[in-house]
Each structure stands twice: as C-alpha cells, then as structure tokens.
Amino acid sequence: MRSAKIHLDCGQLREPTAASIDQIARLQLALRRRGCKLELRNADPYLLELIGFVGLGAVLRVESRRQSKQRKQLCRVEEEGELDDPAIG
C-alpha cells in the first residue's frame, strides 16, 4: 500500500511565524500517523529558513535552498586593516 502525498500550498503565507510552523508541524504529524506524507509547495525562502531555524527541517523534510555562492557571501568577513589598541602602547 502506497502512502498518499498531501500537498500544502504555502504561497499565501506571507509572514510566517512560529505559530505557522507549529501548525504545519502538527498537520505533518497527524498525516504521518495516518500513513500520509506532507509536501510543502510554493514555500517562501523565509519560511524554509524559519523551519530550519526552529530545528524542524528534518522533521518536516525541508531544506533551505540557498545557493552556495550566497552562503559564502553571508559568512564572509572582510578585513581592512589592524585596529589600534591604545591600552597596549
């Protein structure tokens, strides 16, 4: 017996909150208990980031989809020179 996939269209969810994530997680749990799988559609990148931030990415089986180039830019630190420390003088 194949499990059914339920598609949740998240396109209208403009400003997701922790409460939104809670509702999605509860829906996913209820569907899993009935042998179904939840699949998010049209999920905003912010929603995916928020799901990952609260630690439910693996539970909801979603992954933020930033490109590796963007990740590098977010983690990059630029050094322009040394800071003078007057206490060391």
Protein backbone atom coordinates (compact mmCIF):
# COMPACT_ATOMS: atom_id res chain seq x y z
CA MET A 1 0.00 0.00 0.00
CA ARG A 2 1.47 3.35 -1.08
CA SER A 3 1.22 6.31 1.23
CA ALA A 4 -0.64 9.33 -0.07
CA LYS A 5 1.13 12.65 -0.54
CA ILE A 6 -0.70 15.72 0.67
CA HIS A 7 0.42 18.99 -0.91
CA LEU A 8 0.20 22.12 1.23
CA ASP A 9 0.32 25.32 -0.84
CA CYS A 10 2.23 27.85 1.26
CA GLY A 11 2.11 30.57 -1.39
CA GLN A 12 -0.41 32.68 0.52
CA LEU A 13 1.60 32.54 3.75
CA ARG A 14 3.22 35.97 3.52
CA GLU A 15 4.69 36.44 7.00
CA PRO A 16 5.26 33.05 8.63
CA THR A 17 5.63 32.96 12.40
CA ALA A 18 6.46 30.33 14.99
CA ALA A 19 2.70 29.68 15.23
CA SER A 20 2.61 28.96 11.47
CA ILE A 21 5.45 26.47 11.85
CA ASP A 22 3.67 24.86 14.80
CA GLN A 23 0.52 24.37 12.72
CA ILE A 24 2.47 22.87 9.82
CA ALA A 25 4.31 20.52 12.19
CA ARG A 26 1.04 19.39 13.82
CA LEU A 27 -0.51 18.78 10.40
CA GLN A 28 2.54 16.77 9.33
CA LEU A 29 2.35 14.66 12.50
CA ALA A 30 -1.36 13.95 12.05
CA LEU A 31 -0.82 12.97 8.41
CA ARG A 32 2.14 10.75 9.26
CA ARG A 33 0.02 8.89 11.82
CA ARG A 34 -2.44 8.17 9.03
CA GLY A 35 0.28 6.95 6.70
CA CYS A 36 0.41 10.09 4.55
CA LYS A 37 3.26 12.43 3.67
CA LEU A 38 3.11 16.22 3.72
CA GLU A 39 4.79 18.12 0.91
CA LEU A 40 5.12 21.90 1.01
CA ARG A 41 4.53 23.75 -2.25
CA ASN A 42 5.35 27.36 -3.12
CA ALA A 43 7.18 27.80 0.17
CA ASP A 44 8.81 31.17 0.59
CA PRO A 45 12.57 31.01 1.30
CA TYR A 46 11.91 32.82 4.59
CA LEU A 47 9.50 30.05 5.62
CA LEU A 48 12.13 27.42 4.84
CA GLU A 49 14.76 29.34 6.80
CA LEU A 50 12.39 29.69 9.76
CA ILE A 51 11.64 25.96 9.71
CA GLY A 52 15.37 25.26 9.77
CA PHE A 53 15.96 27.83 12.50
CA VAL A 54 13.47 26.22 14.86
CA GLY A 55 15.06 22.83 14.19
CA LEU A 56 12.20 21.21 12.31
CA GLY A 57 13.87 20.95 8.91
CA ALA A 58 14.49 17.22 9.27
CA VAL A 59 11.06 16.56 10.78
CA LEU A 60 9.25 18.43 8.03
CA ARG A 61 11.75 17.14 5.46
CA VAL A 62 12.53 20.56 4.05
CA GLU A 63 15.83 22.20 3.36
CA SER A 64 16.61 25.82 2.72
CA ARG A 65 17.68 26.19 -0.87
CA ARG A 66 20.21 29.00 -0.85
CA GLN A 67 22.89 28.72 -3.47
CA SER A 68 26.42 28.04 -2.29
CA LYS A 69 27.57 31.44 -3.61
CA GLN A 70 25.01 33.17 -1.38
CA ARG A 71 26.16 31.14 1.62
CA LYS A 72 29.73 32.29 1.07
CA GLN A 73 28.64 35.91 0.95
CA LEU A 74 26.67 35.59 4.18
CA CYS A 75 29.64 34.10 6.04
CA ARG A 76 32.33 36.30 4.56
CA VAL A 77 34.37 38.59 6.79
CA GLU A 78 36.36 41.37 5.25
CA GLU A 79 39.45 42.76 6.95
CA GLU A 80 40.51 46.26 6.03
CA GLY A 81 43.32 46.84 8.48
CA GLU A 82 44.51 46.41 12.04
CA LEU A 83 42.80 48.08 14.94
CA ASP A 84 44.94 50.25 17.14
CA ASP A 85 44.67 49.35 20.80
CA PRO A 86 45.64 52.32 23.00
CA ALA A 87 45.86 50.02 26.04
CA ILE A 88 48.86 48.13 24.53
CA GLY A 89 51.03 51.19 23.90
